[in-house]
Amino acid sequence: MKKLYVGNLPFQTSEQELQDWFAEASIQVDSVTLIRDKYTNQLRGFGFVEISNDDEAGRAIQLLNGKDFQSRPLTVNEARPRREGGGGGRGGSGRRQTRKQPRW
């Protein structure tokens, strides 16, 4: 199973429209996930597509990367693995850390 990153998506795109776009290129998609802002629920302009056949995933990248979808050229490439520890944030103990000024 390969996970592909799809970027530069129009903000009004639906999962079904993206799946249909892949189907027009004769590529069988197992799942489509569009990423939304967790506070506003607005699309963030990218998503992920899972394809069970690795050869077909490679073909999808070659055929569709840079091609127009709803008047926008999409970026289609293999998704990078998620970093451990989740999303952004400052990490640490939750305390604000300050740097001590040197005494001159």
PDB file of N, CA and C in Angstrom:
ATOM      1  N   MET A   1       0.856  -1.179   0.000  1.00  0.00           N
ATOM      2  CA  MET A   1       0.000   0.000   0.000  1.00  0.00           C
ATOM      3  C   MET A   1       0.896   1.234   0.000  1.00  0.00           C
ATOM      4  N   LYS A   2       0.683   2.112  -0.969  1.00  0.00           N
ATOM      5  CA  LYS A   2       1.428   3.372  -1.053  1.00  0.00           C
ATOM      6  C   LYS A   2       0.492   4.519  -0.743  1.00  0.00           C
ATOM      7  N   LYS A   3       1.023   5.488  -0.028  1.00  0.00           N
ATOM      8  CA  LYS A   3       0.276   6.705   0.277  1.00  0.00           C
ATOM      9  C   LYS A   3       0.903   7.828  -0.538  1.00  0.00           C
ATOM     10  N   LEU A   4       0.071   8.523  -1.305  1.00  0.00           N
ATOM     11  CA  LEU A   4       0.530   9.635  -2.125  1.00  0.00           C
ATOM     12  C   LEU A   4       0.030  10.951  -1.550  1.00  0.00           C
ATOM     13  N   TYR A   5       0.898  11.940  -1.584  1.00  0.00           N
ATOM     14  CA  TYR A   5       0.551  13.302  -1.209  1.00  0.00           C
ATOM     15  C   TYR A   5      -0.003  13.996  -2.454  1.00  0.00           C
ATOM     16  N   VAL A   6      -1.098  14.714  -2.305  1.00  0.00           N
ATOM     17  CA  VAL A   6      -1.680  15.491  -3.402  1.00  0.00           C
ATOM     18  C   VAL A   6      -1.831  16.917  -2.898  1.00  0.00           C
ATOM     19  N   GLY A   7      -1.084  17.840  -3.519  1.00  0.00           N
ATOM     20  CA  GLY A   7      -1.076  19.219  -3.060  1.00  0.00           C
ATOM     21  C   GLY A   7      -1.562  20.191  -4.115  1.00  0.00           C
ATOM     22  N   ASN A   8      -1.810  21.422  -3.683  1.00  0.00           N
ATOM     23  CA  ASN A   8      -2.331  22.524  -4.491  1.00  0.00           C
ATOM     24  C   ASN A   8      -3.783  22.292  -4.908  1.00  0.00           C
ATOM     25  N   LEU A   9      -4.522  21.634  -4.044  1.00  0.00           N
ATOM     26  CA  LEU A   9      -5.938  21.363  -4.324  1.00  0.00           C
ATOM     27  C   LEU A   9      -6.775  22.621  -4.123  1.00  0.00           C
ATOM     28  N   PRO A  10      -7.780  22.821  -4.977  1.00  0.00           N
ATOM     29  CA  PRO A  10      -8.725  23.917  -4.732  1.00  0.00           C
ATOM     30  C   PRO A  10      -9.469  23.663  -3.417  1.00  0.00           C
ATOM     31  N   PHE A  11      -9.817  24.723  -2.723  1.00  0.00           N
ATOM     32  CA  PHE A  11     -10.444  24.582  -1.407  1.00  0.00           C
ATOM     33  C   PHE A  11     -11.882  24.057  -1.449  1.00  0.00           C
ATOM     34  N   GLN A  12     -12.496  24.005  -2.626  1.00  0.00           N
ATOM     35  CA  GLN A  12     -13.861  23.482  -2.720  1.00  0.00           C
ATOM     36  C   GLN A  12     -13.903  22.035  -3.201  1.00  0.00           C
ATOM     37  N   THR A  13     -12.749  21.383  -3.313  1.00  0.00           N
ATOM     38  CA  THR A  13     -12.663  20.007  -3.802  1.00  0.00           C
ATOM     39  C   THR A  13     -13.327  19.033  -2.846  1.00  0.00           C
ATOM     40  N   SER A  14     -13.910  17.973  -3.404  1.00  0.00           N
ATOM     41  CA  SER A  14     -14.448  16.892  -2.574  1.00  0.00           C
ATOM     42  C   SER A  14     -13.612  15.631  -2.790  1.00  0.00           C
ATOM     43  N   GLU A  15     -13.709  14.722  -1.837  1.00  0.00           N
ATOM     44  CA  GLU A  15     -13.005  13.448  -1.962  1.00  0.00           C
ATOM     45  C   GLU A  15     -13.436  12.717  -3.234  1.00  0.00           C
ATOM     46  N   GLN A  16     -14.732  12.761  -3.527  1.00  0.00           N
ATOM     47  CA  GLN A  16     -15.252  12.060  -4.704  1.00  0.00           C
ATOM     48  C   GLN A  16     -14.688  12.655  -6.000  1.00  0.00           C
ATOM     49  N   GLU A  17     -14.584  13.977  -6.074  1.00  0.00           N
ATOM     50  CA  GLU A  17     -14.032  14.612  -7.287  1.00  0.00           C
ATOM     51  C   GLU A  17     -12.577  14.207  -7.506  1.00  0.00           C
ATOM     52  N   LEU A  18     -11.812  14.135  -6.427  1.00  0.00           N
ATOM     53  CA  LEU A  18     -10.417  13.739  -6.563  1.00  0.00           C
ATOM     54  C   LEU A  18     -10.310  12.262  -6.961  1.00  0.00           C
ATOM     55  N   GLN A  19     -11.143  11.433  -6.366  1.00  0.00           N
ATOM     56  CA  GLN A  19     -11.146  10.010  -6.719  1.00  0.00           C
ATOM     57  C   GLN A  19     -11.536   9.826  -8.186  1.00  0.00           C
ATOM     58  N   ASP A  20     -12.513  10.579  -8.660  1.00  0.00           N
ATOM     59  CA  ASP A  20     -12.930  10.508 -10.072  1.00  0.00           C
ATOM     60  C   ASP A  20     -11.810  10.957 -11.006  1.00  0.00           C
ATOM     61  N   TRP A  21     -11.031  11.971 -10.590  1.00  0.00           N
ATOM     62  CA  TRP A  21      -9.914  12.457 -11.405  1.00  0.00           C
ATOM     63  C   TRP A  21      -8.856  11.366 -11.580  1.00  0.00           C
ATOM     64  N   PHE A  22      -8.571  10.635 -10.499  1.00  0.00           N
ATOM     65  CA  PHE A  22      -7.639   9.511 -10.601  1.00  0.00           C
ATOM     66  C   PHE A  22      -8.228   8.416 -11.491  1.00  0.00           C
ATOM     67  N   ALA A  23      -9.534   8.160 -11.364  1.00  0.00           N
ATOM     68  CA  ALA A  23     -10.179   7.122 -12.172  1.00  0.00           C
ATOM     69  C   ALA A  23     -10.135   7.457 -13.663  1.00  0.00           C
ATOM     70  N   GLU A  24     -10.224   8.744 -14.011  1.00  0.00           N
ATOM     71  CA  GLU A  24     -10.124   9.150 -15.415  1.00  0.00           C
ATOM     72  C   GLU A  24      -8.766   8.776 -16.007  1.00  0.00           C
ATOM     73  N   ALA A  25      -7.750   8.686 -15.164  1.00  0.00           N
ATOM     74  CA  ALA A  25      -6.414   8.272 -15.606  1.00  0.00           C
ATOM     75  C   ALA A  25      -6.237   6.753 -15.463  1.00  0.00           C
ATOM     76  N   SER A  26      -7.330   6.049 -15.214  1.00  0.00           N
ATOM     77  CA  SER A  26      -7.341   4.580 -15.047  1.00  0.00           C
ATOM     78  C   SER A  26      -6.508   4.130 -13.850  1.00  0.00           C
ATOM     79  N   ILE A  27      -6.595   4.891 -12.766  1.00  0.00           N
ATOM     80  CA  ILE A  27      -5.874   4.536 -11.545  1.00  0.00           C
ATOM     81  C   ILE A  27      -6.887   4.252 -10.446  1.00  0.00           C
ATOM     82  N   GLN A  28      -6.803   3.037  -9.909  1.00  0.00           N
ATOM     83  CA  GLN A  28      -7.716   2.582  -8.861  1.00  0.00           C
ATOM     84  C   GLN A  28      -7.224   3.074  -7.500  1.00  0.00           C
ATOM     85  N   VAL A  29      -8.022   3.894  -6.856  1.00  0.00           N
ATOM     86  CA  VAL A  29      -7.686   4.480  -5.554  1.00  0.00           C
ATOM     87  C   VAL A  29      -8.454   3.735  -4.470  1.00  0.00           C
ATOM     88  N   ASP A  30      -7.756   3.401  -3.380  1.00  0.00           N
ATOM     89  CA  ASP A  30      -8.411   2.718  -2.258  1.00  0.00           C
ATOM     90  C   ASP A  30      -9.061   3.693  -1.287  1.00  0.00           C
ATOM     91  N   SER A  31      -8.400   4.837  -1.067  1.00  0.00           N
ATOM     92  CA  SER A  31      -8.993   5.838  -0.176  1.00  0.00           C
ATOM     93  C   SER A  31      -8.454   7.222  -0.507  1.00  0.00           C
ATOM     94  N   VAL A  32      -9.270   8.224  -0.198  1.00  0.00           N
ATOM     95  CA  VAL A  32      -8.903   9.627  -0.377  1.00  0.00           C
ATOM     96  C   VAL A  32      -9.189  10.334   0.944  1.00  0.00           C
ATOM     97  N   THR A  33      -8.205  11.097   1.425  1.00  0.00           N
ATOM     98  CA  THR A  33      -8.378  11.869   2.648  1.00  0.00           C
ATOM     99  C   THR A  33      -7.937  13.298   2.373  1.00  0.00           C
ATOM    100  N   LEU A  34      -8.858  14.238   2.471  1.00  0.00           N
ATOM    101  CA  LEU A  34      -8.533  15.647   2.327  1.00  0.00           C
ATOM    102  C   LEU A  34      -8.345  16.227   3.720  1.00  0.00           C
ATOM    103  N   ILE A  35      -7.296  17.009   3.899  1.00  0.00           N
ATOM    104  CA  ILE A  35      -6.952  17.531   5.221  1.00  0.00           C
ATOM    105  C   ILE A  35      -7.683  18.848   5.457  1.00  0.00           C
ATOM    106  N   ARG A  36      -8.286  18.937   6.630  1.00  0.00           N
ATOM    107  CA  ARG A  36      -9.062  20.115   7.009  1.00  0.00           C
ATOM    108  C   ARG A  36      -8.448  20.771   8.249  1.00  0.00           C
ATOM    109  N   ASP A  37      -8.650  22.069   8.358  1.00  0.00           N
ATOM    110  CA  ASP A  37      -8.233  22.808   9.539  1.00  0.00           C
ATOM    111  C   ASP A  37      -9.065  22.323  10.719  1.00  0.00           C
ATOM    112  N   LYS A  38      -8.413  22.031  11.835  1.00  0.00           N
ATOM    113  CA  LYS A  38      -9.157  21.454  12.962  1.00  0.00           C
ATOM    114  C   LYS A  38     -10.077  22.441  13.662  1.00  0.00           C
ATOM    115  N   TYR A  39      -9.869  23.743  13.449  1.00  0.00           N
ATOM    116  CA  TYR A  39     -10.724  24.738  14.090  1.00  0.00           C
ATOM    117  C   TYR A  39     -11.854  25.221  13.185  1.00  0.00           C
ATOM    118  N   THR A  40     -11.557  25.447  11.907  1.00  0.00           N
ATOM    119  CA  THR A  40     -12.563  26.002  10.986  1.00  0.00           C
ATOM    120  C   THR A  40     -13.197  24.950  10.087  1.00  0.00           C
ATOM    121  N   ASN A  41     -12.602  23.770  10.013  1.00  0.00           N
ATOM    122  CA  ASN A  41     -13.061  22.680   9.154  1.00  0.00           C
ATOM    123  C   ASN A  41     -12.923  23.006   7.661  1.00  0.00           C
ATOM    124  N   GLN A  42     -12.192  24.063   7.325  1.00  0.00           N
ATOM    125  CA  GLN A  42     -11.934  24.411   5.925  1.00  0.00           C
ATOM    126  C   GLN A  42     -10.837  23.511   5.382  1.00  0.00           C
ATOM    127  N   LEU A  43     -10.940  23.177   4.091  1.00  0.00           N
ATOM    128  CA  LEU A  43      -9.883  22.394   3.465  1.00  0.00           C
ATOM    129  C   LEU A  43      -8.577  23.179   3.489  1.00  0.00           C
ATOM    130  N   ARG A  44      -7.462  22.466   3.635  1.00  0.00           N
ATOM    131  CA  ARG A  44      -6.158  23.111   3.723  1.00  0.00           C
ATOM    132  C   ARG A  44      -5.400  23.080   2.400  1.00  0.00           C
ATOM    133  N   GLY A  45      -5.989  22.493   1.356  1.00  0.00           N
ATOM    134  CA  GLY A  45      -5.364  22.526   0.038  1.00  0.00           C
ATOM    135  C   GLY A  45      -4.482  21.333  -0.271  1.00  0.00           C
ATOM    136  N   PHE A  46      -4.545  20.312   0.564  1.00  0.00           N
ATOM    137  CA  PHE A  46      -3.794  19.089   0.269  1.00  0.00           C
ATOM    138  C   PHE A  46      -4.503  17.900   0.877  1.00  0.00           C
ATOM    139  N   GLY A  47      -4.070  16.725   0.453  1.00  0.00           N
ATOM    140  CA  GLY A  47      -4.660  15.505   0.965  1.00  0.00           C
ATOM    141  C   GLY A  47      -3.789  14.316   0.631  1.00  0.00           C
ATOM    142  N   PHE A  48      -4.325  13.138   0.897  1.00  0.00           N
ATOM    143  CA  PHE A  48      -3.587  11.901   0.669  1.00  0.00           C
ATOM    144  C   PHE A  48      -4.485  10.894  -0.027  1.00  0.00           C
ATOM    145  N   VAL A  49      -3.853  10.126  -0.905  1.00  0.00           N
ATOM    146  CA  VAL A  49      -4.543   9.073  -1.641  1.00  0.00           C
ATOM    147  C   VAL A  49      -3.786   7.782  -1.385  1.00  0.00           C
ATOM    148  N   GLU A  50      -4.506   6.709  -1.071  1.00  0.00           N
ATOM    149  CA  GLU A  50      -3.867   5.414  -0.880  1.00  0.00           C
ATOM    150  C   GLU A  50      -4.178   4.521  -2.062  1.00  0.00           C
ATOM    151  N   ILE A  51      -3.121   3.857  -2.565  1.00  0.00           N
ATOM    152  CA  ILE A  51      -3.238   2.944  -3.703  1.00  0.00           C
ATOM    153  C   ILE A  51      -2.553   1.651  -3.297  1.00  0.00           C
ATOM    154  N   SER A  52      -3.260   0.525  -3.426  1.00  0.00           N
ATOM    155  CA  SER A  52      -2.723  -0.743  -2.943  1.00  0.00           C
ATOM    156  C   SER A  52      -1.607  -1.300  -3.818  1.00  0.00           C
ATOM    157  N   ASN A  53      -1.630  -1.015  -5.108  1.00  0.00           N
ATOM    158  CA  ASN A  53      -0.621  -1.535  -6.024  1.00  0.00           C
ATOM    159  C   ASN A  53       0.518  -0.526  -6.167  1.00  0.00           C
ATOM    160  N   ASP A  54       1.737  -0.914  -5.765  1.00  0.00           N
ATOM    161  CA  ASP A  54       2.885  -0.005  -5.798  1.00  0.00           C
ATOM    162  C   ASP A  54       3.214   0.465  -7.213  1.00  0.00           C
ATOM    163  N   ASP A  55       3.092  -0.430  -8.202  1.00  0.00           N
ATOM    164  CA  ASP A  55       3.360  -0.042  -9.592  1.00  0.00           C
ATOM    165  C   ASP A  55       2.354   1.006 -10.071  1.00  0.00           C
ATOM    166  N   GLU A  56       1.105   0.810  -9.688  1.00  0.00           N
ATOM    167  CA  GLU A  56       0.067   1.761 -10.068  1.00  0.00           C
ATOM    168  C   GLU A  56       0.291   3.113  -9.386  1.00  0.00           C
ATOM    169  N   ALA A  57       0.764   3.090  -8.160  1.00  0.00           N
ATOM    170  CA  ALA A  57       1.070   4.340  -7.452  1.00  0.00           C
ATOM    171  C   ALA A  57       2.180   5.102  -8.179  1.00  0.00           C
ATOM    172  N   GLY A  58       3.204   4.389  -8.620  1.00  0.00           N
ATOM    173  CA  GLY A  58       4.275   5.018  -9.383  1.00  0.00           C
ATOM    174  C   GLY A  58       3.786   5.592 -10.692  1.00  0.00           C
ATOM    175  N   ARG A  59       2.893   4.873 -11.328  1.00  0.00           N
ATOM    176  CA  ARG A  59       2.299   5.353 -12.584  1.00  0.00           C
ATOM    177  C   ARG A  59       1.456   6.596 -12.336  1.00  0.00           C
ATOM    178  N   ALA A  60       0.746   6.628 -11.212  1.00  0.00           N
ATOM    179  CA  ALA A  60      -0.074   7.798 -10.857  1.00  0.00           C
ATOM    180  C   ALA A  60       0.804   9.033 -10.700  1.00  0.00           C
ATOM    181  N   ILE A  61       1.943   8.871 -10.060  1.00  0.00           N
ATOM    182  CA  ILE A  61       2.854  10.008  -9.875  1.00  0.00           C
ATOM    183  C   ILE A  61       3.331  10.515 -11.227  1.00  0.00           C
ATOM    184  N   GLN A  62       3.749   9.594 -12.092  1.00  0.00           N
ATOM    185  CA  GLN A  62       4.255   9.997 -13.408  1.00  0.00           C
ATOM    186  C   GLN A  62       3.182  10.647 -14.271  1.00  0.00           C
ATOM    187  N   LEU A  63       1.972  10.098 -14.236  1.00  0.00           N
ATOM    188  CA  LEU A  63       0.897  10.622 -15.083  1.00  0.00           C
ATOM    189  C   LEU A  63       0.286  11.923 -14.574  1.00  0.00           C
ATOM    190  N   LEU A  64       0.150  12.053 -13.254  1.00  0.00           N
ATOM    191  CA  LEU A  64      -0.686  13.123 -12.715  1.00  0.00           C
ATOM    192  C   LEU A  64       0.065  14.287 -12.080  1.00  0.00           C
ATOM    193  N   ASN A  65       1.319  14.106 -11.722  1.00  0.00           N
ATOM    194  CA  ASN A  65       2.059  15.208 -11.112  1.00  0.00           C
ATOM    195  C   ASN A  65       2.181  16.357 -12.114  1.00  0.00           C
ATOM    196  N   GLY A  66       1.718  17.542 -11.716  1.00  0.00           N
ATOM    197  CA  GLY A  66       1.769  18.721 -12.571  1.00  0.00           C
ATOM    198  C   GLY A  66       0.573  18.885 -13.496  1.00  0.00           C
ATOM    199  N   LYS A  67      -0.328  17.911 -13.513  1.00  0.00           N
ATOM    200  CA  LYS A  67      -1.522  17.999 -14.380  1.00  0.00           C
ATOM    201  C   LYS A  67      -2.589  18.862 -13.728  1.00  0.00           C
ATOM    202  N   ASP A  68      -3.390  19.506 -14.582  1.00  0.00           N
ATOM    203  CA  ASP A  68      -4.456  20.387 -14.090  1.00  0.00           C
ATOM    204  C   ASP A  68      -5.634  19.604 -13.518  1.00  0.00           C
ATOM    205  N   PHE A  69      -6.097  20.075 -12.393  1.00  0.00           N
ATOM    206  CA  PHE A  69      -7.307  19.581 -11.742  1.00  0.00           C
ATOM    207  C   PHE A  69      -8.080  20.814 -11.318  1.00  0.00           C
ATOM    208  N   GLN A  70      -9.242  21.016 -11.888  1.00  0.00           N
ATOM    209  CA  GLN A  70     -10.062  22.198 -11.611  1.00  0.00           C
ATOM    210  C   GLN A  70      -9.228  23.473 -11.765  1.00  0.00           C
ATOM    211  N   SER A  71      -8.510  23.544 -12.880  1.00  0.00           N
ATOM    212  CA  SER A  71      -7.687  24.709 -13.271  1.00  0.00           C
ATOM    213  C   SER A  71      -6.476  24.964 -12.381  1.00  0.00           C
ATOM    214  N   ARG A  72      -6.023  23.946 -11.645  1.00  0.00           N
ATOM    215  CA  ARG A  72      -4.819  24.105 -10.818  1.00  0.00           C
ATOM    216  C   ARG A  72      -3.886  22.922 -11.069  1.00  0.00           C
ATOM    217  N   PRO A  73      -2.599  23.197 -11.269  1.00  0.00           N
ATOM    218  CA  PRO A  73      -1.651  22.089 -11.429  1.00  0.00           C
ATOM    219  C   PRO A  73      -1.367  21.440 -10.074  1.00  0.00           C
ATOM    220  N   LEU A  74      -1.632  20.146  -9.983  1.00  0.00           N
ATOM    221  CA  LEU A  74      -1.462  19.463  -8.703  1.00  0.00           C
ATOM    222  C   LEU A  74      -0.059  18.901  -8.548  1.00  0.00           C
ATOM    223  N   THR A  75       0.347  18.795  -7.319  1.00  0.00           N
ATOM    224  CA  THR A  75       1.569  18.087  -6.950  1.00  0.00           C
ATOM    225  C   THR A  75       1.144  16.707  -6.478  1.00  0.00           C
ATOM    226  N   VAL A  76       1.681  15.677  -7.112  1.00  0.00           N
ATOM    227  CA  VAL A  76       1.388  14.299  -6.721  1.00  0.00           C
ATOM    228  C   VAL A  76       2.731  13.605  -6.541  1.00  0.00           C
ATOM    229  N   ASN A  77       3.011  13.187  -5.309  1.00  0.00           N
ATOM    230  CA  ASN A  77       4.233  12.436  -5.052  1.00  0.00           C
ATOM    231  C   ASN A  77       4.043  11.518  -3.852  1.00  0.00           C
ATOM    232  N   GLU A  78       5.042  10.681  -3.602  1.00  0.00           N
ATOM    233  CA  GLU A  78       4.931   9.753  -2.493  1.00  0.00           C
ATOM    234  C   GLU A  78       4.963  10.535  -1.182  1.00  0.00           C
ATOM    235  N   ALA A  79       4.041  10.205  -0.297  1.00  0.00           N
ATOM    236  CA  ALA A  79       3.952  10.899   0.984  1.00  0.00           C
ATOM    237  C   ALA A  79       5.140  10.523   1.862  1.00  0.00           C
ATOM    238  N   ARG A  80       5.636  11.500   2.595  1.00  0.00           N
ATOM    239  CA  ARG A  80       6.696  11.238   3.570  1.00  0.00           C
ATOM    240  C   ARG A  80       6.061  10.632   4.811  1.00  0.00           C
ATOM    241  N   PRO A  81       6.801   9.797   5.519  1.00  0.00           N
ATOM    242  CA  PRO A  81       6.255   9.247   6.770  1.00  0.00           C
ATOM    243  C   PRO A  81       6.013  10.353   7.782  1.00  0.00           C
ATOM    244  N   ARG A  82       5.012  10.176   8.614  1.00  0.00           N
ATOM    245  CA  ARG A  82       4.717  11.167   9.656  1.00  0.00           C
ATOM    246  C   ARG A  82       5.833  11.185  10.670  1.00  0.00           C
ATOM    247  N   ARG A  83       6.122  12.385  11.141  1.00  0.00           N
ATOM    248  CA  ARG A  83       7.106  12.500  12.215  1.00  0.00           C
ATOM    249  C   ARG A  83       6.482  12.030  13.507  1.00  0.00           C
ATOM    250  N   GLU A  84       7.290  11.403  14.348  1.00  0.00           N
ATOM    251  CA  GLU A  84       6.781  10.961  15.641  1.00  0.00           C
ATOM    252  C   GLU A  84       6.504  12.162  16.525  1.00  0.00           C
ATOM    253  N   GLY A  85       5.537  12.015  17.408  1.00  0.00           N
ATOM    254  CA  GLY A  85       5.251  13.081  18.351  1.00  0.00           C
ATOM    255  C   GLY A  85       4.139  14.005  17.912  1.00  0.00           C
ATOM    256  N   GLY A  86       3.556  13.756  16.758  1.00  0.00           N
ATOM    257  CA  GLY A  86       2.422  14.558  16.324  1.00  0.00           C
ATOM    258  C   GLY A  86       2.819  15.866  15.694  1.00  0.00           C
ATOM    259  N   GLY A  87       1.885  16.783  15.684  1.00  0.00           N
ATOM    260  CA  GLY A  87       2.054  18.049  14.989  1.00  0.00           C
ATOM    261  C   GLY A  87       2.947  19.028  15.711  1.00  0.00           C
ATOM    262  N   GLY A  88       2.797  20.282  15.340  1.00  0.00           N
ATOM    263  CA  GLY A  88       3.655  21.354  15.832  1.00  0.00           C
ATOM    264  C   GLY A  88       3.643  21.493  17.330  1.00  0.00           C
ATOM    265  N   GLY A  89       3.837  22.651  17.773  1.00  0.00           N
ATOM    266  CA  GLY A  89       3.902  22.878  19.206  1.00  0.00           C
ATOM    267  C   GLY A  89       5.331  23.108  19.626  1.00  0.00           C
ATOM    268  N   ARG A  90       5.477  23.501  20.841  1.00  0.00           N
ATOM    269  CA  ARG A  90       6.802  23.855  21.322  1.00  0.00           C
ATOM    270  C   ARG A  90       7.488  22.709  22.024  1.00  0.00           C
ATOM    271  N   GLY A  91       6.756  21.700  22.395  1.00  0.00           N
ATOM    272  CA  GLY A  91       7.372  20.588  23.103  1.00  0.00           C
ATOM    273  C   GLY A  91       7.791  20.998  24.503  1.00  0.00           C
ATOM    274  N   GLY A  92       8.527  20.144  25.158  1.00  0.00           N
ATOM    275  CA  GLY A  92       9.037  20.481  26.483  1.00  0.00           C
ATOM    276  C   GLY A  92       8.019  20.236  27.569  1.00  0.00           C
ATOM    277  N   SER A  93       8.268  20.851  28.703  1.00  0.00           N
ATOM    278  CA  SER A  93       7.471  20.583  29.894  1.00  0.00           C
ATOM    279  C   SER A  93       6.229  21.452  30.000  1.00  0.00           C
ATOM    280  N   GLY A  94       6.063  22.374  29.067  1.00  0.00           N
ATOM    281  CA  GLY A  94       4.934  23.277  29.157  1.00  0.00           C
ATOM    282  C   GLY A  94       5.291  24.568  29.859  1.00  0.00           C
ATOM    283  N   ARG A  95       6.434  24.608  30.533  1.00  0.00           N
ATOM    284  CA  ARG A  95       6.896  25.841  31.177  1.00  0.00           C
ATOM    285  C   ARG A  95       7.544  26.724  30.135  1.00  0.00           C
ATOM    286  N   ARG A  96       7.395  27.997  30.317  1.00  0.00           N
ATOM    287  CA  ARG A  96       8.080  28.936  29.424  1.00  0.00           C
ATOM    288  C   ARG A  96       9.541  29.019  29.839  1.00  0.00           C
ATOM    289  N   GLN A  97      10.393  28.812  28.871  1.00  0.00           N
ATOM    290  CA  GLN A  97      11.816  28.844  29.175  1.00  0.00           C
ATOM    291  C   GLN A  97      12.374  30.197  28.789  1.00  0.00           C
ATOM    292  N   THR A  98      13.172  30.755  29.654  1.00  0.00           N
ATOM    293  CA  THR A  98      13.796  32.041  29.374  1.00  0.00           C
ATOM    294  C   THR A  98      15.305  31.868  29.387  1.00  0.00           C
ATOM    295  N   ARG A  99      15.937  32.680  28.614  1.00  0.00           N
ATOM    296  CA  ARG A  99      17.399  32.644  28.555  1.00  0.00           C
ATOM    297  C   ARG A  99      17.942  33.700  29.522  1.00  0.00           C
ATOM    298  N   LYS A 100      18.857  33.261  30.336  1.00  0.00           N
ATOM    299  CA  LYS A 100      19.454  34.210  31.284  1.00  0.00           C
ATOM    300  C   LYS A 100      20.430  35.116  30.551  1.00  0.00           C
ATOM    301  N   GLN A 101      20.393  36.377  30.920  1.00  0.00           N
ATOM    302  CA  GLN A 101      21.310  37.354  30.350  1.00  0.00           C
ATOM    303  C   GLN A 101      22.659  37.229  31.039  1.00  0.00           C
ATOM    304  N   PRO A 102      23.731  37.311  30.283  1.00  0.00           N
ATOM    305  CA  PRO A 102      25.062  37.220  30.941  1.00  0.00           C
ATOM    306  C   PRO A 102      25.324  38.466  31.800  1.00  0.00           C
ATOM    307  N   ARG A 103      26.038  38.275  32.867  1.00  0.00           N
ATOM    308  CA  ARG A 103      26.437  39.400  33.718  1.00  0.00           C
ATOM    309  C   ARG A 103      27.800  39.862  33.261  1.00  0.00           C
ATOM    310  N   TRP A 104      27.875  41.077  32.822  1.00  0.00           N
ATOM    311  CA  TRP A 104      29.146  41.610  32.344  1.00  0.00           C
ATOM    312  C   TRP A 104      29.767  42.452  33.354  1.00  0.00           C
TER     313      TRP A 104
END
